[in-house]
Amino acid sequence: MASRASEEAKGGRTSAKWRQLAKQEFLVAAGNPKAILVFTAFFPQFVDRSAYARSFTVLGSTFLLLELVAIAIYAVIGSRLGTLANGSRGFRWFNRVSGSVMIGFGLLRAFLRRPAT
């Protein structure tokens, strides 16, 4: 009985935590300049004035679905890279590749000439 009460208390805290995270995510997303531009400048061009609510809902849902797919792709790639870099061998490989890329950019920058103005 005591364990059930503690589980319910944990569930309440978890629910409040999720609500707080959802609120924070909404505020961050609402302040995102890309989203503001898409919803105020880009979408109205494709909204049918005779069925405004329906067409805006369809466009908004499509946008959110595509954003979800993009975020999922980023998460999968990040997870794979994290797994790769987690081992000392993978981390060493990552450091060597990224260091070589930086050295290459530095050499390229050193030997390129500025165009005459």
N, C-alpha and C. Protein backbone atom coordinates (compact mmCIF):
# COMPACT_ATOMS: atom_id res chain seq x y z
N MET A 1 0.82 -1.19 0.00
CA MET A 1 0.00 0.00 0.00
C MET A 1 0.87 1.25 0.00
N ALA A 2 1.94 1.23 0.80
CA ALA A 2 2.82 2.40 0.85
C ALA A 2 3.53 2.59 -0.47
N SER A 3 3.89 1.48 -1.13
CA SER A 3 4.59 1.61 -2.41
C SER A 3 3.66 2.18 -3.48
N ARG A 4 2.38 1.84 -3.40
CA ARG A 4 1.42 2.39 -4.36
C ARG A 4 1.28 3.89 -4.19
N ALA A 5 1.25 4.35 -2.96
CA ALA A 5 1.14 5.79 -2.70
C ALA A 5 2.38 6.51 -3.21
N SER A 6 3.55 5.89 -3.03
CA SER A 6 4.78 6.54 -3.52
C SER A 6 4.81 6.55 -5.04
N GLU A 7 4.28 5.49 -5.68
CA GLU A 7 4.21 5.47 -7.14
C GLU A 7 3.28 6.56 -7.66
N GLU A 8 2.14 6.76 -6.98
CA GLU A 8 1.22 7.81 -7.39
C GLU A 8 1.84 9.19 -7.21
N ALA A 9 2.60 9.35 -6.13
CA ALA A 9 3.28 10.63 -5.90
C ALA A 9 4.31 10.88 -6.99
N LYS A 10 5.05 9.84 -7.36
CA LYS A 10 6.02 9.98 -8.44
C LYS A 10 5.32 10.30 -9.75
N GLY A 11 4.19 9.64 -9.99
CA GLY A 11 3.43 9.90 -11.21
C GLY A 11 2.97 11.34 -11.28
N GLY A 12 2.57 11.90 -10.15
CA GLY A 12 2.15 13.30 -10.11
C GLY A 12 3.30 14.23 -10.42
N ARG A 13 4.48 13.93 -9.88
CA ARG A 13 5.66 14.76 -10.16
C ARG A 13 6.08 14.62 -11.62
N THR A 14 5.98 13.40 -12.15
CA THR A 14 6.34 13.19 -13.55
C THR A 14 5.40 13.95 -14.46
N SER A 15 4.10 13.91 -14.13
CA SER A 15 3.11 14.64 -14.93
C SER A 15 3.37 16.14 -14.89
N ALA A 16 3.68 16.65 -13.71
CA ALA A 16 3.98 18.08 -13.59
C ALA A 16 5.25 18.43 -14.35
N LYS A 17 6.22 17.54 -14.30
CA LYS A 17 7.47 17.77 -15.03
C LYS A 17 7.20 17.83 -16.54
N TRP A 18 6.38 16.90 -17.04
CA TRP A 18 6.05 16.90 -18.46
C TRP A 18 5.28 18.16 -18.85
N ARG A 19 4.37 18.59 -17.99
CA ARG A 19 3.64 19.83 -18.28
C ARG A 19 4.58 21.02 -18.34
N GLN A 20 5.51 21.07 -17.40
CA GLN A 20 6.48 22.17 -17.39
C GLN A 20 7.36 22.13 -18.64
N LEU A 21 7.80 20.93 -19.04
CA LEU A 21 8.60 20.82 -20.26
C LEU A 21 7.80 21.19 -21.50
N ALA A 22 6.53 20.78 -21.56
CA ALA A 22 5.69 21.13 -22.70
C ALA A 22 5.47 22.64 -22.77
N LYS A 23 5.26 23.26 -21.62
CA LYS A 23 5.09 24.72 -21.58
C LYS A 23 6.36 25.42 -22.05
N GLN A 24 7.50 24.94 -21.57
CA GLN A 24 8.77 25.54 -21.97
C GLN A 24 8.99 25.36 -23.47
N GLU A 25 8.70 24.19 -24.00
CA GLU A 25 8.87 23.93 -25.43
C GLU A 25 7.95 24.83 -26.25
N PHE A 26 6.72 25.01 -25.81
CA PHE A 26 5.79 25.88 -26.52
C PHE A 26 6.31 27.31 -26.56
N LEU A 27 6.81 27.80 -25.43
CA LEU A 27 7.32 29.17 -25.38
C LEU A 27 8.55 29.35 -26.27
N VAL A 28 9.42 28.35 -26.29
CA VAL A 28 10.60 28.43 -27.16
C VAL A 28 10.17 28.39 -28.62
N ALA A 29 9.25 27.48 -28.95
CA ALA A 29 8.80 27.36 -30.34
C ALA A 29 8.03 28.59 -30.78
N ALA A 30 7.23 29.16 -29.90
CA ALA A 30 6.45 30.35 -30.26
C ALA A 30 7.36 31.55 -30.50
N GLY A 31 8.50 31.58 -29.85
CA GLY A 31 9.43 32.68 -30.05
C GLY A 31 10.45 32.43 -31.15
N ASN A 32 10.33 31.30 -31.83
CA ASN A 32 11.26 30.95 -32.90
C ASN A 32 11.00 31.82 -34.13
N PRO A 33 11.97 32.58 -34.58
CA PRO A 33 11.75 33.46 -35.74
C PRO A 33 11.35 32.69 -36.99
N LYS A 34 11.89 31.48 -37.18
CA LYS A 34 11.53 30.70 -38.36
C LYS A 34 10.05 30.37 -38.34
N ALA A 35 9.55 29.92 -37.21
CA ALA A 35 8.14 29.58 -37.10
C ALA A 35 7.26 30.81 -37.29
N ILE A 36 7.68 31.93 -36.72
CA ILE A 36 6.90 33.16 -36.88
C ILE A 36 6.83 33.55 -38.34
N LEU A 37 7.95 33.49 -39.04
CA LEU A 37 7.96 33.84 -40.46
C LEU A 37 7.11 32.88 -41.29
N VAL A 38 7.22 31.59 -41.00
CA VAL A 38 6.45 30.61 -41.76
C VAL A 38 4.96 30.83 -41.56
N PHE A 39 4.54 31.00 -40.32
CA PHE A 39 3.12 31.11 -40.05
C PHE A 39 2.53 32.47 -40.42
N THR A 40 3.34 33.52 -40.47
CA THR A 40 2.78 34.84 -40.80
C THR A 40 3.03 35.27 -42.23
N ALA A 41 4.11 34.83 -42.84
CA ALA A 41 4.44 35.29 -44.19
C ALA A 41 4.23 34.22 -45.25
N PHE A 42 4.57 32.99 -44.94
CA PHE A 42 4.53 31.95 -45.96
C PHE A 42 3.17 31.26 -46.05
N PHE A 43 2.60 30.89 -44.94
CA PHE A 43 1.34 30.16 -44.95
C PHE A 43 0.17 30.92 -45.56
N PRO A 44 -0.01 32.20 -45.26
CA PRO A 44 -1.19 32.89 -45.79
C PRO A 44 -1.31 32.85 -47.32
N GLN A 45 -0.20 32.67 -48.02
CA GLN A 45 -0.26 32.57 -49.47
C GLN A 45 -1.01 31.33 -49.93
N PHE A 46 -1.01 30.30 -49.11
CA PHE A 46 -1.60 29.02 -49.48
C PHE A 46 -2.92 28.73 -48.76
N VAL A 47 -3.41 29.66 -47.99
CA VAL A 47 -4.65 29.46 -47.25
C VAL A 47 -5.83 29.87 -48.12
N ASP A 48 -6.79 28.96 -48.22
CA ASP A 48 -8.01 29.23 -48.97
C ASP A 48 -8.92 30.09 -48.09
N ARG A 49 -9.30 31.26 -48.59
CA ARG A 49 -10.11 32.18 -47.78
C ARG A 49 -11.51 31.65 -47.50
N SER A 50 -12.01 30.80 -48.37
CA SER A 50 -13.36 30.27 -48.14
C SER A 50 -13.37 29.19 -47.06
N ALA A 51 -12.25 28.52 -46.86
CA ALA A 51 -12.14 27.50 -45.81
C ALA A 51 -10.87 27.77 -45.00
N TYR A 52 -10.85 28.94 -44.39
CA TYR A 52 -9.64 29.42 -43.71
C TYR A 52 -9.19 28.48 -42.60
N ALA A 53 -10.08 28.14 -41.69
CA ALA A 53 -9.70 27.32 -40.53
C ALA A 53 -9.20 25.95 -40.96
N ARG A 54 -9.92 25.33 -41.89
CA ARG A 54 -9.53 23.99 -42.32
C ARG A 54 -8.18 24.00 -43.05
N SER A 55 -7.99 24.93 -43.97
CA SER A 55 -6.74 24.94 -44.73
C SER A 55 -5.56 25.33 -43.85
N PHE A 56 -5.77 26.25 -42.91
CA PHE A 56 -4.68 26.62 -42.01
C PHE A 56 -4.34 25.46 -41.09
N THR A 57 -5.35 24.70 -40.66
CA THR A 57 -5.11 23.52 -39.82
C THR A 57 -4.32 22.46 -40.59
N VAL A 58 -4.68 22.23 -41.84
CA VAL A 58 -3.98 21.23 -42.65
C VAL A 58 -2.53 21.67 -42.88
N LEU A 59 -2.32 22.92 -43.23
CA LEU A 59 -0.96 23.41 -43.44
C LEU A 59 -0.14 23.38 -42.15
N GLY A 60 -0.73 23.80 -41.06
CA GLY A 60 -0.03 23.77 -39.78
C GLY A 60 0.32 22.36 -39.35
N SER A 61 -0.61 21.44 -39.53
CA SER A 61 -0.35 20.04 -39.17
C SER A 61 0.76 19.45 -40.04
N THR A 62 0.74 19.78 -41.33
CA THR A 62 1.79 19.30 -42.22
C THR A 62 3.15 19.85 -41.80
N PHE A 63 3.19 21.14 -41.47
CA PHE A 63 4.43 21.76 -41.01
C PHE A 63 4.93 21.07 -39.74
N LEU A 64 4.04 20.84 -38.79
CA LEU A 64 4.44 20.20 -37.53
C LEU A 64 4.92 18.76 -37.76
N LEU A 65 4.27 18.05 -38.67
CA LEU A 65 4.69 16.69 -38.98
C LEU A 65 6.09 16.68 -39.59
N LEU A 66 6.34 17.60 -40.51
CA LEU A 66 7.67 17.68 -41.13
C LEU A 66 8.73 18.08 -40.10
N GLU A 67 8.38 18.97 -39.19
CA GLU A 67 9.31 19.34 -38.11
C GLU A 67 9.60 18.14 -37.22
N LEU A 68 8.58 17.35 -36.92
CA LEU A 68 8.77 16.15 -36.10
C LEU A 68 9.71 15.17 -36.79
N VAL A 69 9.54 14.98 -38.09
CA VAL A 69 10.42 14.09 -38.84
C VAL A 69 11.86 14.61 -38.81
N ALA A 70 12.04 15.91 -39.02
CA ALA A 70 13.38 16.49 -39.00
C ALA A 70 14.03 16.33 -37.63
N ILE A 71 13.27 16.57 -36.57
CA ILE A 71 13.81 16.43 -35.22
C ILE A 71 14.16 14.97 -34.93
N ALA A 72 13.32 14.05 -35.41
CA ALA A 72 13.61 12.62 -35.20
C ALA A 72 14.89 12.22 -35.93
N ILE A 73 15.08 12.75 -37.13
CA ILE A 73 16.31 12.44 -37.87
C ILE A 73 17.53 12.98 -37.12
N TYR A 74 17.43 14.22 -36.63
CA TYR A 74 18.53 14.78 -35.84
C TYR A 74 18.80 13.93 -34.60
N ALA A 75 17.75 13.46 -33.95
CA ALA A 75 17.92 12.65 -32.74
C ALA A 75 18.60 11.33 -33.05
N VAL A 76 18.21 10.68 -34.14
CA VAL A 76 18.82 9.40 -34.51
C VAL A 76 20.29 9.60 -34.86
N ILE A 77 20.58 10.62 -35.66
CA ILE A 77 21.98 10.89 -36.03
C ILE A 77 22.80 11.21 -34.78
N GLY A 78 22.26 12.04 -33.90
CA GLY A 78 22.97 12.38 -32.67
C GLY A 78 23.20 11.16 -31.79
N SER A 79 22.22 10.29 -31.72
CA SER A 79 22.36 9.08 -30.92
C SER A 79 23.44 8.17 -31.49
N ARG A 80 23.45 8.03 -32.81
CA ARG A 80 24.48 7.19 -33.45
C ARG A 80 25.88 7.79 -33.25
N LEU A 81 25.99 9.10 -33.41
CA LEU A 81 27.29 9.74 -33.20
C LEU A 81 27.71 9.64 -31.74
N GLY A 82 26.76 9.74 -30.83
CA GLY A 82 27.07 9.60 -29.41
C GLY A 82 27.56 8.20 -29.09
N THR A 83 26.93 7.20 -29.68
CA THR A 83 27.36 5.82 -29.48
C THR A 83 28.75 5.61 -30.06
N LEU A 84 28.98 6.19 -31.24
CA LEU A 84 30.28 6.06 -31.89
C LEU A 84 31.37 6.73 -31.06
N ALA A 85 31.08 7.90 -30.55
CA ALA A 85 32.08 8.66 -29.79
C ALA A 85 32.20 8.18 -28.35
N ASN A 86 31.29 7.33 -27.91
CA ASN A 86 31.30 6.88 -26.52
C ASN A 86 32.52 6.03 -26.20
N GLY A 87 32.90 5.17 -27.12
CA GLY A 87 34.09 4.35 -26.90
C GLY A 87 35.34 5.18 -27.09
N SER A 88 36.41 4.79 -26.42
CA SER A 88 37.65 5.56 -26.53
C SER A 88 38.18 5.53 -27.95
N ARG A 89 38.02 4.41 -28.64
CA ARG A 89 38.48 4.31 -30.02
C ARG A 89 37.68 5.23 -30.93
N GLY A 90 36.37 5.25 -30.77
CA GLY A 90 35.51 6.12 -31.58
C GLY A 90 35.77 7.59 -31.28
N PHE A 91 35.98 7.90 -30.02
CA PHE A 91 36.24 9.29 -29.64
C PHE A 91 37.57 9.75 -30.22
N ARG A 92 38.56 8.88 -30.18
CA ARG A 92 39.87 9.21 -30.76
C ARG A 92 39.74 9.44 -32.27
N TRP A 93 38.97 8.59 -32.94
CA TRP A 93 38.74 8.73 -34.38
C TRP A 93 38.04 10.06 -34.68
N PHE A 94 37.02 10.37 -33.90
CA PHE A 94 36.29 11.64 -34.09
C PHE A 94 37.22 12.83 -33.91
N ASN A 95 38.06 12.81 -32.88
CA ASN A 95 39.00 13.90 -32.63
C ASN A 95 40.00 14.05 -33.77
N ARG A 96 40.49 12.95 -34.29
CA ARG A 96 41.45 13.01 -35.40
C ARG A 96 40.81 13.59 -36.65
N VAL A 97 39.61 13.14 -36.97
CA VAL A 97 38.94 13.64 -38.17
C VAL A 97 38.61 15.12 -38.03
N SER A 98 38.01 15.50 -36.91
CA SER A 98 37.64 16.92 -36.74
C SER A 98 38.88 17.80 -36.65
N GLY A 99 39.95 17.32 -36.03
CA GLY A 99 41.20 18.08 -35.98
C GLY A 99 41.81 18.24 -37.36
N SER A 100 41.77 17.18 -38.16
CA SER A 100 42.29 17.26 -39.53
C SER A 100 41.50 18.24 -40.37
N VAL A 101 40.18 18.24 -40.19
CA VAL A 101 39.34 19.19 -40.93
C VAL A 101 39.69 20.62 -40.53
N MET A 102 39.88 20.87 -39.25
CA MET A 102 40.25 22.22 -38.80
C MET A 102 41.62 22.64 -39.33
N ILE A 103 42.57 21.73 -39.32
CA ILE A 103 43.90 22.04 -39.87
C ILE A 103 43.79 22.33 -41.36
N GLY A 104 42.98 21.54 -42.06
CA GLY A 104 42.77 21.77 -43.49
C GLY A 104 42.17 23.14 -43.76
N PHE A 105 41.16 23.52 -42.98
CA PHE A 105 40.58 24.86 -43.15
C PHE A 105 41.60 25.95 -42.85
N GLY A 106 42.42 25.74 -41.84
CA GLY A 106 43.46 26.71 -41.50
C GLY A 106 44.47 26.87 -42.63
N LEU A 107 44.91 25.75 -43.21
CA LEU A 107 45.85 25.82 -44.33
C LEU A 107 45.21 26.47 -45.54
N LEU A 108 43.98 26.13 -45.80
CA LEU A 108 43.26 26.75 -46.92
C LEU A 108 43.17 28.25 -46.73
N ARG A 109 42.84 28.65 -45.54
CA ARG A 109 42.73 30.08 -45.21
C ARG A 109 44.08 30.78 -45.32
N ALA A 110 45.15 30.09 -44.95
CA ALA A 110 46.49 30.69 -44.98
C ALA A 110 46.98 30.90 -46.41
N PHE A 111 46.61 30.00 -47.32
CA PHE A 111 47.16 30.08 -48.67
C PHE A 111 46.24 30.74 -49.69
N LEU A 112 45.01 30.99 -49.35
CA LEU A 112 44.12 31.69 -50.28
C LEU A 112 44.40 33.18 -50.24
N ARG A 113 44.36 33.79 -51.39
CA ARG A 113 44.57 35.23 -51.46
C ARG A 113 43.24 35.93 -51.53
N ARG A 114 43.22 37.12 -50.97
CA ARG A 114 42.01 37.94 -51.06
C ARG A 114 41.89 38.51 -52.46
N PRO A 115 40.68 38.60 -52.96
CA PRO A 115 40.52 39.25 -54.27
C PRO A 115 40.82 40.74 -54.16
N ALA A 116 41.39 41.28 -55.21
CA ALA A 116 41.71 42.71 -55.22
C ALA A 116 40.43 43.52 -55.22
N THR A 117 40.43 44.58 -54.43
CA THR A 117 39.24 45.43 -54.37
C THR A 117 39.41 46.69 -55.14
